[in-house]
Amino acid sequence: MAVVSLTVDGLPRASSKQVGLVVARMRRVGLTDRDAGLAFCARVACRPISSRSELTADEASWVLTALDTWHRDGVDPTQQVSA
């Protein structure tokens, strides 16, 4: 039986594969600074993140979607655009 690592909130943690994809996709959009990457994750997750391994599986999925959007559109989707 597989053991699932749980977060403090009882939610499944992101898998190592998800975390690896987050790192790779961050590089793809030029987000190579660790602190900037964590800040991006925190904006997407709407909570403080001090390590990518703290992401839940759902949060990692959201981060991956946001990074794919950034790659497609060329703009960080977590940044507000002023009119």
Foldseek 3Di string as FASTA:
>chain_A
DDDFDAAPVRAGWADPVLLVLLQVLCVVLPNNDPVSSQVLLCLQVVHHDPDSRNHGNVSSVSSNVQSVVCNVVVDRPSDDDDD
